[in-house]
Amino acid sequence: MRKIVVTANWDDEAKVWVATSEDIQGLAMEAKSCDALVKKLMVVIPELLDANGIEPTGNQVPVEVVSKLSMMAKVKATA
């Protein structure tokens, strides 16, 4: 089975990481930390594969989580 790519973006307004994937229909979840998000993904991905009728070869599925965090850094004003 090919690698499942999950995109995790920081939602600054909600203060959570939001994960989606074009590789698994129905994958949309959030968590307060990347670690918590990964733990949730390891439970939900096999469930969604089963729900979508996708049978992986073997007992493991390769997953890549790509995270993106954008922020503004304050700097001193120059005179």
PDB file of N, CA and C in Angstrom:
ATOM      1  N   MET A   1       0.839  -1.180   0.000  1.00  0.00           N
ATOM      2  CA  MET A   1       0.000   0.000   0.000  1.00  0.00           C
ATOM      3  C   MET A   1       0.882   1.241   0.000  1.00  0.00           C
ATOM      4  N   ARG A   2       0.448   2.259  -0.727  1.00  0.00           N
ATOM      5  CA  ARG A   2       1.247   3.488  -0.778  1.00  0.00           C
ATOM      6  C   ARG A   2       1.124   4.266   0.523  1.00  0.00           C
ATOM      7  N   LYS A   3       2.037   5.159   0.709  1.00  0.00           N
ATOM      8  CA  LYS A   3       2.098   5.967   1.928  1.00  0.00           C
ATOM      9  C   LYS A   3       0.881   6.889   2.019  1.00  0.00           C
ATOM     10  N   ILE A   4       0.333   7.021   3.216  1.00  0.00           N
ATOM     11  CA  ILE A   4      -0.757   7.948   3.488  1.00  0.00           C
ATOM     12  C   ILE A   4      -0.139   9.242   3.992  1.00  0.00           C
ATOM     13  N   VAL A   5      -0.451  10.332   3.326  1.00  0.00           N
ATOM     14  CA  VAL A   5       0.083  11.631   3.721  1.00  0.00           C
ATOM     15  C   VAL A   5      -1.013  12.401   4.449  1.00  0.00           C
ATOM     16  N   VAL A   6      -0.692  12.832   5.655  1.00  0.00           N
ATOM     17  CA  VAL A   6      -1.612  13.608   6.486  1.00  0.00           C
ATOM     18  C   VAL A   6      -0.997  14.992   6.662  1.00  0.00           C
ATOM     19  N   THR A   7      -1.802  16.022   6.441  1.00  0.00           N
ATOM     20  CA  THR A   7      -1.349  17.391   6.631  1.00  0.00           C
ATOM     21  C   THR A   7      -1.905  17.914   7.947  1.00  0.00           C
ATOM     22  N   ALA A   8      -1.027  18.435   8.793  1.00  0.00           N
ATOM     23  CA  ALA A   8      -1.431  18.999  10.084  1.00  0.00           C
ATOM     24  C   ALA A   8      -1.087  20.484  10.091  1.00  0.00           C
ATOM     25  N   ASN A   9      -2.102  21.298  10.245  1.00  0.00           N
ATOM     26  CA  ASN A   9      -1.920  22.748  10.275  1.00  0.00           C
ATOM     27  C   ASN A   9      -2.354  23.299  11.628  1.00  0.00           C
ATOM     28  N   TRP A  10      -1.620  24.284  12.112  1.00  0.00           N
ATOM     29  CA  TRP A  10      -1.959  24.920  13.372  1.00  0.00           C
ATOM     30  C   TRP A  10      -3.064  25.949  13.127  1.00  0.00           C
ATOM     31  N   ASP A  11      -4.149  25.856  13.874  1.00  0.00           N
ATOM     32  CA  ASP A  11      -5.234  26.835  13.825  1.00  0.00           C
ATOM     33  C   ASP A  11      -5.047  27.758  15.021  1.00  0.00           C
ATOM     34  N   ASP A  12      -4.499  28.934  14.773  1.00  0.00           N
ATOM     35  CA  ASP A  12      -4.153  29.844  15.860  1.00  0.00           C
ATOM     36  C   ASP A  12      -5.394  30.363  16.588  1.00  0.00           C
ATOM     37  N   GLU A  13      -6.475  30.502  15.877  1.00  0.00           N
ATOM     38  CA  GLU A  13      -7.714  30.989  16.510  1.00  0.00           C
ATOM     39  C   GLU A  13      -8.273  29.953  17.485  1.00  0.00           C
ATOM     40  N   ALA A  14      -8.318  28.693  17.068  1.00  0.00           N
ATOM     41  CA  ALA A  14      -8.862  27.620  17.913  1.00  0.00           C
ATOM     42  C   ALA A  14      -7.805  27.034  18.849  1.00  0.00           C
ATOM     43  N   LYS A  15      -6.535  27.335  18.573  1.00  0.00           N
ATOM     44  CA  LYS A  15      -5.404  26.815  19.371  1.00  0.00           C
ATOM     45  C   LYS A  15      -5.340  25.286  19.337  1.00  0.00           C
ATOM     46  N   VAL A  16      -5.510  24.725  18.136  1.00  0.00           N
ATOM     47  CA  VAL A  16      -5.427  23.275  17.952  1.00  0.00           C
ATOM     48  C   VAL A  16      -4.718  22.968  16.634  1.00  0.00           C
ATOM     49  N   TRP A  17      -4.174  21.752  16.557  1.00  0.00           N
ATOM     50  CA  TRP A  17      -3.653  21.224  15.302  1.00  0.00           C
ATOM     51  C   TRP A  17      -4.803  20.538  14.583  1.00  0.00           C
ATOM     52  N   VAL A  18      -4.955  20.801  13.286  1.00  0.00           N
ATOM     53  CA  VAL A  18      -6.021  20.213  12.485  1.00  0.00           C
ATOM     54  C   VAL A  18      -5.389  19.324  11.421  1.00  0.00           C
ATOM     55  N   ALA A  19      -5.818  18.059  11.394  1.00  0.00           N
ATOM     56  CA  ALA A  19      -5.261  17.093  10.439  1.00  0.00           C
ATOM     57  C   ALA A  19      -6.301  16.715   9.391  1.00  0.00           C
ATOM     58  N   THR A  20      -5.851  16.688   8.138  1.00  0.00           N
ATOM     59  CA  THR A  20      -6.680  16.225   7.026  1.00  0.00           C
ATOM     60  C   THR A  20      -5.802  15.406   6.096  1.00  0.00           C
ATOM     61  N   SER A  21      -6.457  14.649   5.221  1.00  0.00           N
ATOM     62  CA  SER A  21      -5.704  13.868   4.245  1.00  0.00           C
ATOM     63  C   SER A  21      -6.554  13.631   3.013  1.00  0.00           C
ATOM     64  N   GLU A  22      -5.937  13.804   1.857  1.00  0.00           N
ATOM     65  CA  GLU A  22      -6.616  13.489   0.613  1.00  0.00           C
ATOM     66  C   GLU A  22      -6.539  11.996   0.316  1.00  0.00           C
ATOM     67  N   ASP A  23      -5.733  11.271   1.099  1.00  0.00           N
ATOM     68  CA  ASP A  23      -5.554   9.844   0.879  1.00  0.00           C
ATOM     69  C   ASP A  23      -6.605   8.988   1.583  1.00  0.00           C
ATOM     70  N   ILE A  24      -7.281   9.553   2.585  1.00  0.00           N
ATOM     71  CA  ILE A  24      -8.296   8.804   3.332  1.00  0.00           C
ATOM     72  C   ILE A  24      -9.554   9.656   3.445  1.00  0.00           C
ATOM     73  N   GLN A  25     -10.599   9.216   2.799  1.00  0.00           N
ATOM     74  CA  GLN A  25     -11.868   9.936   2.853  1.00  0.00           C
ATOM     75  C   GLN A  25     -12.382   9.991   4.294  1.00  0.00           C
ATOM     76  N   GLY A  26     -12.776  11.180   4.726  1.00  0.00           N
ATOM     77  CA  GLY A  26     -13.348  11.346   6.048  1.00  0.00           C
ATOM     78  C   GLY A  26     -12.367  11.708   7.141  1.00  0.00           C
ATOM     79  N   LEU A  27     -11.088  11.804   6.824  1.00  0.00           N
ATOM     80  CA  LEU A  27     -10.112  12.141   7.863  1.00  0.00           C
ATOM     81  C   LEU A  27     -10.094  13.649   8.091  1.00  0.00           C
ATOM     82  N   ALA A  28     -10.548  14.043   9.255  1.00  0.00           N
ATOM     83  CA  ALA A  28     -10.513  15.436   9.695  1.00  0.00           C
ATOM     84  C   ALA A  28     -10.592  15.391  11.210  1.00  0.00           C
ATOM     85  N   MET A  29      -9.520  15.777  11.865  1.00  0.00           N
ATOM     86  CA  MET A  29      -9.504  15.733  13.325  1.00  0.00           C
ATOM     87  C   MET A  29      -8.619  16.833  13.860  1.00  0.00           C
ATOM     88  N   GLU A  30      -8.754  17.070  15.171  1.00  0.00           N
ATOM     89  CA  GLU A  30      -7.943  18.107  15.792  1.00  0.00           C
ATOM     90  C   GLU A  30      -7.475  17.647  17.156  1.00  0.00           C
ATOM     91  N   ALA A  31      -6.397  18.286  17.619  1.00  0.00           N
ATOM     92  CA  ALA A  31      -5.846  18.004  18.947  1.00  0.00           C
ATOM     93  C   ALA A  31      -5.033  19.211  19.385  1.00  0.00           C
ATOM     94  N   LYS A  32      -4.817  19.327  20.685  1.00  0.00           N
ATOM     95  CA  LYS A  32      -4.109  20.482  21.241  1.00  0.00           C
ATOM     96  C   LYS A  32      -2.590  20.417  21.064  1.00  0.00           C
ATOM     97  N   SER A  33      -2.057  19.227  20.750  1.00  0.00           N
ATOM     98  CA  SER A  33      -0.615  19.098  20.509  1.00  0.00           C
ATOM     99  C   SER A  33      -0.380  18.133  19.354  1.00  0.00           C
ATOM    100  N   CYS A  34       0.815  18.204  18.770  1.00  0.00           N
ATOM    101  CA  CYS A  34       1.167  17.274  17.684  1.00  0.00           C
ATOM    102  C   CYS A  34       1.210  15.841  18.201  1.00  0.00           C
ATOM    103  N   ASP A  35       1.744  15.653  19.405  1.00  0.00           N
ATOM    104  CA  ASP A  35       1.815  14.306  19.977  1.00  0.00           C
ATOM    105  C   ASP A  35       0.424  13.708  20.144  1.00  0.00           C
ATOM    106  N   ALA A  36      -0.514  14.507  20.659  1.00  0.00           N
ATOM    107  CA  ALA A  36      -1.885  14.030  20.836  1.00  0.00           C
ATOM    108  C   ALA A  36      -2.534  13.736  19.492  1.00  0.00           C
ATOM    109  N   LEU A  37      -2.222  14.547  18.497  1.00  0.00           N
ATOM    110  CA  LEU A  37      -2.775  14.335  17.161  1.00  0.00           C
ATOM    111  C   LEU A  37      -2.281  13.020  16.572  1.00  0.00           C
ATOM    112  N   VAL A  38      -0.996  12.746  16.701  1.00  0.00           N
ATOM    113  CA  VAL A  38      -0.429  11.500  16.183  1.00  0.00           C
ATOM    114  C   VAL A  38      -1.064  10.288  16.867  1.00  0.00           C
ATOM    115  N   LYS A  39      -1.262  10.361  18.172  1.00  0.00           N
ATOM    116  CA  LYS A  39      -1.898   9.255  18.894  1.00  0.00           C
ATOM    117  C   LYS A  39      -3.311   9.001  18.367  1.00  0.00           C
ATOM    118  N   LYS A  40      -4.045  10.077  18.123  1.00  0.00           N
ATOM    119  CA  LYS A  40      -5.400   9.938  17.575  1.00  0.00           C
ATOM    120  C   LYS A  40      -5.355   9.337  16.167  1.00  0.00           C
ATOM    121  N   LEU A  41      -4.414   9.796  15.362  1.00  0.00           N
ATOM    122  CA  LEU A  41      -4.295   9.301  13.987  1.00  0.00           C
ATOM    123  C   LEU A  41      -4.037   7.802  13.949  1.00  0.00           C
ATOM    124  N   MET A  42      -3.210   7.309  14.862  1.00  0.00           N
ATOM    125  CA  MET A  42      -2.883   5.878  14.869  1.00  0.00           C
ATOM    126  C   MET A  42      -4.107   5.014  15.193  1.00  0.00           C
ATOM    127  N   VAL A  43      -5.102   5.591  15.828  1.00  0.00           N
ATOM    128  CA  VAL A  43      -6.350   4.871  16.099  1.00  0.00           C
ATOM    129  C   VAL A  43      -7.329   5.041  14.937  1.00  0.00           C
ATOM    130  N   VAL A  44      -7.454   6.265  14.444  1.00  0.00           N
ATOM    131  CA  VAL A  44      -8.469   6.589  13.456  1.00  0.00           C
ATOM    132  C   VAL A  44      -8.124   6.085  12.054  1.00  0.00           C
ATOM    133  N   ILE A  45      -6.862   6.129  11.670  1.00  0.00           N
ATOM    134  CA  ILE A  45      -6.492   5.715  10.305  1.00  0.00           C
ATOM    135  C   ILE A  45      -6.919   4.275  10.011  1.00  0.00           C
ATOM    136  N   PRO A  46      -6.594   3.296  10.855  1.00  0.00           N
ATOM    137  CA  PRO A  46      -7.059   1.931  10.556  1.00  0.00           C
ATOM    138  C   PRO A  46      -8.590   1.829  10.497  1.00  0.00           C
ATOM    139  N   GLU A  47      -9.289   2.575  11.363  1.00  0.00           N
ATOM    140  CA  GLU A  47     -10.753   2.557  11.352  1.00  0.00           C
ATOM    141  C   GLU A  47     -11.304   3.121  10.045  1.00  0.00           C
ATOM    142  N   LEU A  48     -10.721   4.230   9.562  1.00  0.00           N
ATOM    143  CA  LEU A  48     -11.185   4.831   8.312  1.00  0.00           C
ATOM    144  C   LEU A  48     -10.840   3.974   7.099  1.00  0.00           C
ATOM    145  N   LEU A  49      -9.677   3.326   7.128  1.00  0.00           N
ATOM    146  CA  LEU A  49      -9.331   2.417   6.029  1.00  0.00           C
ATOM    147  C   LEU A  49     -10.384   1.319   5.930  1.00  0.00           C
ATOM    148  N   ASP A  50     -10.746   0.755   7.064  1.00  0.00           N
ATOM    149  CA  ASP A  50     -11.765  -0.299   7.099  1.00  0.00           C
ATOM    150  C   ASP A  50     -13.116   0.236   6.626  1.00  0.00           C
ATOM    151  N   ALA A  51     -13.514   1.406   7.125  1.00  0.00           N
ATOM    152  CA  ALA A  51     -14.797   2.011   6.753  1.00  0.00           C
ATOM    153  C   ALA A  51     -14.875   2.330   5.261  1.00  0.00           C
ATOM    154  N   ASN A  52     -13.716   2.654   4.662  1.00  0.00           N
ATOM    155  CA  ASN A  52     -13.673   2.969   3.236  1.00  0.00           C
ATOM    156  C   ASN A  52     -13.423   1.743   2.365  1.00  0.00           C
ATOM    157  N   GLY A  53     -13.354   0.571   2.988  1.00  0.00           N
ATOM    158  CA  GLY A  53     -13.158  -0.662   2.230  1.00  0.00           C
ATOM    159  C   GLY A  53     -11.763  -0.817   1.657  1.00  0.00           C
ATOM    160  N   ILE A  54     -10.785  -0.192   2.282  1.00  0.00           N
ATOM    161  CA  ILE A  54      -9.398  -0.278   1.813  1.00  0.00           C
ATOM    162  C   ILE A  54      -8.671  -1.315   2.653  1.00  0.00           C
ATOM    163  N   GLU A  55      -8.165  -2.342   2.004  1.00  0.00           N
ATOM    164  CA  GLU A  55      -7.443  -3.396   2.708  1.00  0.00           C
ATOM    165  C   GLU A  55      -5.946  -3.255   2.458  1.00  0.00           C
ATOM    166  N   PRO A  56      -5.205  -2.864   3.487  1.00  0.00           N
ATOM    167  CA  PRO A  56      -3.758  -2.730   3.313  1.00  0.00           C
ATOM    168  C   PRO A  56      -3.099  -4.104   3.182  1.00  0.00           C
ATOM    169  N   THR A  57      -1.982  -4.127   2.498  1.00  0.00           N
ATOM    170  CA  THR A  57      -1.212  -5.362   2.421  1.00  0.00           C
ATOM    171  C   THR A  57      -0.337  -5.432   3.670  1.00  0.00           C
ATOM    172  N   GLY A  58      -0.370  -6.552   4.343  1.00  0.00           N
ATOM    173  CA  GLY A  58       0.400  -6.689   5.580  1.00  0.00           C
ATOM    174  C   GLY A  58      -0.351  -6.081   6.747  1.00  0.00           C
ATOM    175  N   ASN A  59       0.360  -5.929   7.851  1.00  0.00           N
ATOM    176  CA  ASN A  59      -0.291  -5.422   9.053  1.00  0.00           C
ATOM    177  C   ASN A  59       0.142  -4.008   9.435  1.00  0.00           C
ATOM    178  N   GLN A  60       0.828  -3.313   8.515  1.00  0.00           N
ATOM    179  CA  GLN A  60       1.243  -1.940   8.767  1.00  0.00           C
ATOM    180  C   GLN A  60       0.951  -1.068   7.559  1.00  0.00           C
ATOM    181  N   VAL A  61       0.694   0.200   7.821  1.00  0.00           N
ATOM    182  CA  VAL A  61       0.431   1.171   6.762  1.00  0.00           C
ATOM    183  C   VAL A  61       1.394   2.340   6.954  1.00  0.00           C
ATOM    184  N   PRO A  62       2.153   2.702   5.929  1.00  0.00           N
ATOM    185  CA  PRO A  62       3.059   3.843   6.077  1.00  0.00           C
ATOM    186  C   PRO A  62       2.273   5.158   6.117  1.00  0.00           C
ATOM    187  N   VAL A  63       2.585   5.996   7.111  1.00  0.00           N
ATOM    188  CA  VAL A  63       1.908   7.280   7.284  1.00  0.00           C
ATOM    189  C   VAL A  63       2.970   8.362   7.427  1.00  0.00           C
ATOM    190  N   GLU A  64       2.784   9.460   6.705  1.00  0.00           N
ATOM    191  CA  GLU A  64       3.665  10.622   6.818  1.00  0.00           C
ATOM    192  C   GLU A  64       2.817  11.802   7.263  1.00  0.00           C
ATOM    193  N   VAL A  65       3.182  12.413   8.380  1.00  0.00           N
ATOM    194  CA  VAL A  65       2.477  13.588   8.875  1.00  0.00           C
ATOM    195  C   VAL A  65       3.336  14.806   8.568  1.00  0.00           C
ATOM    196  N   VAL A  66       2.779  15.710   7.781  1.00  0.00           N
ATOM    197  CA  VAL A  66       3.477  16.934   7.391  1.00  0.00           C
ATOM    198  C   VAL A  66       2.812  18.074   8.149  1.00  0.00           C
ATOM    199  N   SER A  67       3.585  18.741   9.008  1.00  0.00           N
ATOM    200  CA  SER A  67       2.997  19.813   9.816  1.00  0.00           C
ATOM    201  C   SER A  67       3.463  21.176   9.332  1.00  0.00           C
ATOM    202  N   LYS A  68       2.582  22.145   9.558  1.00  0.00           N
ATOM    203  CA  LYS A  68       2.885  23.506   9.141  1.00  0.00           C
ATOM    204  C   LYS A  68       2.431  24.457  10.246  1.00  0.00           C
ATOM    205  N   LEU A  69       3.361  25.307  10.666  1.00  0.00           N
ATOM    206  CA  LEU A  69       3.081  26.301  11.699  1.00  0.00           C
ATOM    207  C   LEU A  69       3.617  27.640  11.215  1.00  0.00           C
ATOM    208  N   SER A  70       2.723  28.609  11.100  1.00  0.00           N
ATOM    209  CA  SER A  70       3.132  29.960  10.713  1.00  0.00           C
ATOM    210  C   SER A  70       2.912  30.878  11.895  1.00  0.00           C
ATOM    211  N   MET A  71       3.858  31.799  12.118  1.00  0.00           N
ATOM    212  CA  MET A  71       3.726  32.723  13.246  1.00  0.00           C
ATOM    213  C   MET A  71       4.453  34.017  12.935  1.00  0.00           C
ATOM    214  N   MET A  72       4.211  35.013  13.765  1.00  0.00           N
ATOM    215  CA  MET A  72       4.865  36.304  13.644  1.00  0.00           C
ATOM    216  C   MET A  72       5.791  36.473  14.836  1.00  0.00           C
ATOM    217  N   ALA A  73       7.026  36.880  14.610  1.00  0.00           N
ATOM    218  CA  ALA A  73       7.974  37.144  15.678  1.00  0.00           C
ATOM    219  C   ALA A  73       8.110  38.657  15.836  1.00  0.00           C
ATOM    220  N   LYS A  74       7.985  39.134  17.050  1.00  0.00           N
ATOM    221  CA  LYS A  74       8.146  40.578  17.294  1.00  0.00           C
ATOM    222  C   LYS A  74       9.620  40.917  17.346  1.00  0.00           C
ATOM    223  N   VAL A  75       9.964  42.019  16.738  1.00  0.00           N
ATOM    224  CA  VAL A  75      11.347  42.493  16.741  1.00  0.00           C
ATOM    225  C   VAL A  75      11.381  43.924  17.292  1.00  0.00           C
ATOM    226  N   LYS A  76      12.546  44.324  17.740  1.00  0.00           N
ATOM    227  CA  LYS A  76      12.696  45.697  18.250  1.00  0.00           C
ATOM    228  C   LYS A  76      12.595  46.679  17.100  1.00  0.00           C
ATOM    229  N   ALA A  77      11.933  47.792  17.382  1.00  0.00           N
ATOM    230  CA  ALA A  77      11.838  48.851  16.372  1.00  0.00           C
ATOM    231  C   ALA A  77      13.197  49.541  16.253  1.00  0.00           C
ATOM    232  N   THR A  78      13.583  49.866  15.036  1.00  0.00           N
ATOM    233  CA  THR A  78      14.859  50.579  14.842  1.00  0.00           C
ATOM    234  C   THR A  78      14.587  52.065  14.762  1.00  0.00           C
ATOM    235  N   ALA A  79      15.524  52.859  15.252  1.00  0.00           N
ATOM    236  CA  ALA A  79      15.351  54.326  15.276  1.00  0.00           C
ATOM    237  C   ALA A  79      15.786  54.963  13.994  1.00  0.00           C
TER     238      ALA A  79
END
